[in-house]
Amino acid sequence: MTLTDYYPELIRKLPPYAGRFEAFKLEARDCEVLFASYPAGTIIAAHQHDTDNVGVITRGELLLTMDDRTERFGPGDWYHVPAGVVHAAEFPQDTAEIELWFAPQ
């Protein structure tokens, strides 16, 4: 089973997200919804978005660094990355999450 097989078939049929990681994208007005998968060891270097992002870890673990502080998130944990804030992510184990990227209001 691959990481993307973790999601139900209806989600796997959504269009792929073209970015730095594997995800399925569900379009919503003023919000992109991503069902993302990260193999163990994935590191996403410091970057920022013009969107206000929230997410929930559904499997595995996220180490999220913002403002020189690293916080650990596991299954069921929600996180928030405000628009314009520089952040980095690390996934020490196979991880899946649902991310919501809200357009600036």
C-alpha atoms as a PDB file:
ATOM      1  CA  MET A   1       0.000   0.000   0.000  1.00  0.00           C
ATOM      2  CA  THR A   2       1.365   3.442  -0.907  1.00  0.00           C
ATOM      3  CA  LEU A   3       0.815   6.519   1.241  1.00  0.00           C
ATOM      4  CA  THR A   4      -1.739   7.893  -1.205  1.00  0.00           C
ATOM      5  CA  ASP A   5      -3.711   4.622  -0.884  1.00  0.00           C
ATOM      6  CA  TYR A   6      -4.432   5.720   2.705  1.00  0.00           C
ATOM      7  CA  TYR A   7      -7.250   7.973   1.464  1.00  0.00           C
ATOM      8  CA  PRO A   8     -10.681   6.674   0.379  1.00  0.00           C
ATOM      9  CA  GLU A   9     -11.185   6.087  -3.350  1.00  0.00           C
ATOM     10  CA  LEU A  10     -13.350   9.207  -3.824  1.00  0.00           C
ATOM     11  CA  ILE A  11     -10.549  11.384  -2.483  1.00  0.00           C
ATOM     12  CA  ARG A  12      -7.935   9.574  -4.614  1.00  0.00           C
ATOM     13  CA  LYS A  13     -10.026  10.470  -7.687  1.00  0.00           C
ATOM     14  CA  LEU A  14      -9.657  14.211  -6.968  1.00  0.00           C
ATOM     15  CA  PRO A  15      -7.168  16.125  -9.146  1.00  0.00           C
ATOM     16  CA  PRO A  16      -3.551  16.085  -7.976  1.00  0.00           C
ATOM     17  CA  TYR A  17      -1.983  19.144  -6.375  1.00  0.00           C
ATOM     18  CA  ALA A  18       1.062  20.387  -8.325  1.00  0.00           C
ATOM     19  CA  GLY A  19       3.521  21.379  -5.620  1.00  0.00           C
ATOM     20  CA  ARG A  20       6.350  20.282  -3.310  1.00  0.00           C
ATOM     21  CA  PHE A  21       4.464  17.248  -1.983  1.00  0.00           C
ATOM     22  CA  GLU A  22       1.819  14.701  -3.014  1.00  0.00           C
ATOM     23  CA  ALA A  23      -1.778  15.761  -2.415  1.00  0.00           C
ATOM     24  CA  PHE A  24      -5.287  15.529  -3.811  1.00  0.00           C
ATOM     25  CA  LYS A  25      -7.082  18.853  -4.204  1.00  0.00           C
ATOM     26  CA  LEU A  26     -10.746  19.540  -3.480  1.00  0.00           C
ATOM     27  CA  GLU A  27     -11.649  23.018  -4.716  1.00  0.00           C
ATOM     28  CA  ALA A  28     -13.847  25.210  -2.552  1.00  0.00           C
ATOM     29  CA  ARG A  29     -14.759  28.894  -2.822  1.00  0.00           C
ATOM     30  CA  ASP A  30     -11.941  30.993  -1.279  1.00  0.00           C
ATOM     31  CA  CYS A  31     -10.252  27.834   0.042  1.00  0.00           C
ATOM     32  CA  GLU A  32      -8.126  25.011  -1.354  1.00  0.00           C
ATOM     33  CA  VAL A  33      -8.475  21.684   0.446  1.00  0.00           C
ATOM     34  CA  LEU A  34      -5.524  19.301   0.166  1.00  0.00           C
ATOM     35  CA  PHE A  35      -5.329  15.654   1.222  1.00  0.00           C
ATOM     36  CA  ALA A  36      -1.555  15.419   1.530  1.00  0.00           C
ATOM     37  CA  SER A  37       0.910  12.557   2.051  1.00  0.00           C
ATOM     38  CA  TYR A  38       4.551  12.834   3.095  1.00  0.00           C
ATOM     39  CA  PRO A  39       6.994   9.906   3.184  1.00  0.00           C
ATOM     40  CA  ALA A  40       9.134   9.596   6.322  1.00  0.00           C
ATOM     41  CA  GLY A  41      12.083  11.981   6.189  1.00  0.00           C
ATOM     42  CA  THR A  42      10.359  14.641   4.066  1.00  0.00           C
ATOM     43  CA  ILE A  43      11.684  18.136   4.823  1.00  0.00           C
ATOM     44  CA  ILE A  44      10.064  21.303   3.465  1.00  0.00           C
ATOM     45  CA  ALA A  45      12.439  24.249   3.715  1.00  0.00           C
ATOM     46  CA  ALA A  46      11.425  27.604   5.171  1.00  0.00           C
ATOM     47  CA  HIS A  47       8.843  29.390   3.017  1.00  0.00           C
ATOM     48  CA  GLN A  48       5.675  31.454   3.314  1.00  0.00           C
ATOM     49  CA  HIS A  49       2.217  31.614   1.737  1.00  0.00           C
ATOM     50  CA  ASP A  50      -0.229  34.389   0.972  1.00  0.00           C
ATOM     51  CA  THR A  51      -2.938  32.052   2.308  1.00  0.00           C
ATOM     52  CA  ASP A  52      -4.029  31.464   5.900  1.00  0.00           C
ATOM     53  CA  ASN A  53      -3.450  27.717   6.427  1.00  0.00           C
ATOM     54  CA  VAL A  54      -4.910  25.266   8.920  1.00  0.00           C
ATOM     55  CA  GLY A  55      -4.470  21.527   8.910  1.00  0.00           C
ATOM     56  CA  VAL A  56      -5.129  18.364  10.865  1.00  0.00           C
ATOM     57  CA  ILE A  57      -2.726  15.433  11.039  1.00  0.00           C
ATOM     58  CA  THR A  58      -4.578  12.186  10.341  1.00  0.00           C
ATOM     59  CA  ARG A  59      -1.581   9.825  10.474  1.00  0.00           C
ATOM     60  CA  GLY A  60       2.060  10.198  11.462  1.00  0.00           C
ATOM     61  CA  GLU A  61       3.774  13.323  12.745  1.00  0.00           C
ATOM     62  CA  LEU A  62       4.556  16.925  11.740  1.00  0.00           C
ATOM     63  CA  LEU A  63       7.355  19.033  13.197  1.00  0.00           C
ATOM     64  CA  LEU A  64       6.347  22.615  12.362  1.00  0.00           C
ATOM     65  CA  THR A  65       8.822  25.455  12.873  1.00  0.00           C
ATOM     66  CA  MET A  66       7.605  29.065  13.075  1.00  0.00           C
ATOM     67  CA  ASP A  67       9.178  32.046  14.840  1.00  0.00           C
ATOM     68  CA  ASP A  68      12.273  29.968  15.787  1.00  0.00           C
ATOM     69  CA  ARG A  69      10.045  27.511  17.695  1.00  0.00           C
ATOM     70  CA  THR A  70       9.360  23.893  16.684  1.00  0.00           C
ATOM     71  CA  GLU A  71       6.122  22.231  17.708  1.00  0.00           C
ATOM     72  CA  ARG A  72       5.149  18.560  17.263  1.00  0.00           C
ATOM     73  CA  PHE A  73       1.691  17.597  15.920  1.00  0.00           C
ATOM     74  CA  GLY A  74       0.294  14.054  15.818  1.00  0.00           C
ATOM     75  CA  PRO A  75      -2.957  12.384  14.721  1.00  0.00           C
ATOM     76  CA  GLY A  76      -5.969  14.539  15.555  1.00  0.00           C
ATOM     77  CA  ASP A  77      -3.881  17.661  16.193  1.00  0.00           C
ATOM     78  CA  TRP A  78      -4.748  20.874  14.336  1.00  0.00           C
ATOM     79  CA  TYR A  79      -2.203  23.544  13.455  1.00  0.00           C
ATOM     80  CA  HIS A  80      -2.423  27.082  12.040  1.00  0.00           C
ATOM     81  CA  VAL A  81       0.081  28.953   9.862  1.00  0.00           C
ATOM     82  CA  PRO A  82      -1.009  32.588   9.398  1.00  0.00           C
ATOM     83  CA  ALA A  83      -0.596  34.198   5.978  1.00  0.00           C
ATOM     84  CA  GLY A  84       2.871  35.653   5.403  1.00  0.00           C
ATOM     85  CA  VAL A  85       4.545  33.792   8.292  1.00  0.00           C
ATOM     86  CA  VAL A  86       7.794  32.018   7.403  1.00  0.00           C
ATOM     87  CA  HIS A  87       7.654  28.363   8.429  1.00  0.00           C
ATOM     88  CA  ALA A  88       9.303  25.001   7.750  1.00  0.00           C
ATOM     89  CA  ALA A  89       8.045  21.431   8.116  1.00  0.00           C
ATOM     90  CA  GLU A  90       9.572  18.040   8.776  1.00  0.00           C
ATOM     91  CA  PHE A  91       7.870  14.642   8.708  1.00  0.00           C
ATOM     92  CA  PRO A  92       9.924  12.050  10.665  1.00  0.00           C
ATOM     93  CA  GLN A  93       7.489   9.246   9.786  1.00  0.00           C
ATOM     94  CA  ASP A  94       4.997   8.519   6.992  1.00  0.00           C
ATOM     95  CA  THR A  95       2.376  11.213   7.478  1.00  0.00           C
ATOM     96  CA  ALA A  96      -1.017  12.168   6.053  1.00  0.00           C
ATOM     97  CA  GLU A  97      -3.004  15.318   6.685  1.00  0.00           C
ATOM     98  CA  ILE A  98      -5.872  17.467   5.505  1.00  0.00           C
ATOM     99  CA  GLU A  99      -4.857  21.069   4.800  1.00  0.00           C
ATOM    100  CA  LEU A 100      -7.147  24.054   4.193  1.00  0.00           C
ATOM    101  CA  TRP A 101      -5.575  27.061   2.476  1.00  0.00           C
ATOM    102  CA  PHE A 102      -7.857  30.100   2.897  1.00  0.00           C
ATOM    103  CA  ALA A 103      -7.528  32.990   0.443  1.00  0.00           C
ATOM    104  CA  PRO A 104      -6.847  36.419   1.941  1.00  0.00           C
ATOM    105  CA  GLN A 105     -10.072  38.284   2.724  1.00  0.00           C
END
